[in-house]
Protein backbone atom coordinates (compact mmCIF):
# COMPACT_ATOMS: atom_id res chain seq x y z
CA UNK A 1 -37.29 15.33 70.90
CA UNK A 2 -41.00 14.92 70.26
CA UNK A 3 -41.71 12.18 67.76
CA UNK A 4 -45.48 11.90 67.94
CA UNK A 5 -46.91 11.39 64.44
CA UNK A 6 -43.39 11.32 62.98
CA UNK A 7 -42.47 8.86 60.23
CA UNK A 8 -39.09 7.23 59.72
CA UNK A 9 -37.72 8.00 56.23
CA UNK A 10 -34.35 7.29 54.59
CA UNK A 11 -32.91 10.72 53.82
CA UNK A 12 -29.40 9.57 52.88
CA UNK A 13 -29.76 11.20 49.44
CA UNK A 14 -31.37 14.43 50.68
CA UNK A 15 -29.97 17.70 49.36
CA UNK A 16 -29.43 18.82 52.97
CA UNK A 17 -28.50 15.88 55.15
CA UNK A 18 -29.12 15.73 58.86
CA UNK A 19 -26.66 12.94 59.52
CA UNK A 20 -27.95 10.82 56.64
CA UNK A 21 -29.79 7.52 56.78
CA UNK A 22 -33.07 7.00 58.59
CA UNK A 23 -34.56 10.15 60.10
CA UNK A 24 -37.83 10.76 61.95
CA UNK A 25 -39.74 13.48 60.09
CA UNK A 26 -43.13 15.15 60.37
CA UNK A 27 -45.17 14.75 57.19
CA UNK A 28 -48.15 17.13 57.16
CA UNK A 29 -51.05 15.78 55.09
CA UNK A 30 -49.58 12.25 54.97
CA UNK A 31 -50.14 11.96 58.72
CA UNK A 32 -53.86 12.64 58.13
CA UNK A 33 -54.27 9.17 56.58
CA UNK A 34 -55.46 6.58 59.08
CA UNK A 35 -53.51 3.40 59.76
CA UNK A 36 -54.78 -0.03 58.84
CA UNK A 37 -52.63 -3.12 59.31
CA UNK A 38 -53.82 -4.61 55.98
CA UNK A 39 -53.12 -1.50 53.89
CA UNK A 40 -50.21 -1.74 51.47
CA UNK A 41 -48.40 1.58 51.25
CA UNK A 42 -44.93 3.05 50.85
CA UNK A 43 -43.56 6.43 51.86
CA UNK A 44 -40.16 7.46 50.50
CA UNK A 45 -37.91 10.40 49.76
CA UNK A 46 -37.35 11.20 46.08
CA UNK A 47 -34.01 12.98 45.73
CA UNK A 48 -34.52 13.86 42.03
CA UNK A 49 -37.12 16.52 42.87
CA UNK A 50 -36.57 16.75 46.66
CA UNK A 51 -40.03 15.47 47.63
CA UNK A 52 -41.64 12.95 49.95
CA UNK A 53 -43.84 10.48 48.06
CA UNK A 54 -46.72 8.25 49.14
CA UNK A 55 -48.00 5.29 47.15
CA UNK A 56 -50.78 2.97 48.20
CA UNK A 57 -51.18 -0.36 46.44
CA UNK A 58 -54.42 -1.40 48.03
CA UNK A 59 -57.61 -1.49 45.95
CA UNK A 60 -59.95 1.43 46.62
CA UNK A 61 -63.37 2.33 45.27
CA UNK A 62 -64.89 5.78 44.94
CA UNK A 63 -65.97 6.98 48.38
CA UNK A 64 -63.69 4.57 50.31
CA UNK A 65 -61.52 5.91 53.10
CA UNK A 66 -57.89 5.52 52.04
CA UNK A 67 -55.64 3.99 54.69
CA UNK A 68 -51.88 3.65 54.88
CA UNK A 69 -49.80 1.26 56.95
CA UNK A 70 -47.65 2.94 59.62
CA UNK A 71 -45.59 -0.25 59.87
CA UNK A 72 -45.56 -3.52 61.76
CA UNK A 73 -45.71 -1.82 65.16
CA UNK A 74 -46.91 -2.98 68.55
CA UNK A 75 -50.08 -1.53 70.03
CA UNK A 76 -47.97 0.30 72.62
CA UNK A 77 -45.78 1.88 69.91
CA UNK A 78 -48.83 2.92 67.87
CA UNK A 79 -50.30 4.60 70.97
CA UNK A 80 -47.03 6.35 71.84
CA UNK A 81 -45.98 7.43 68.33
CA UNK A 82 -49.32 8.07 66.65
CA UNK A 83 -51.94 8.30 69.39
CA UNK A 84 -53.90 5.29 68.12
CA UNK A 85 -54.40 1.75 69.35
CA UNK A 86 -55.70 -1.34 67.61
CA UNK A 87 -56.73 -3.21 70.75
CA UNK A 88 -59.71 -2.04 72.78
């Protein structure tokens, strides 16, 4: 299975379960946000209205690029999963 740009989400309460628990899912639009290790963000599944939600708790000003945190991942994992690397 291809997992590039896929996020791991807990879908145990999804209306249609694919085995329940943590699943790797593609999230169009959310995957357009760039990663930053200092960004504070959460992505979760909301079973009440069957949606994926994104919340960022970092402070942003008008015109700032909004980043999310893909997780505490190694440089190798970031390159493999998301096509980005933090080290030059």
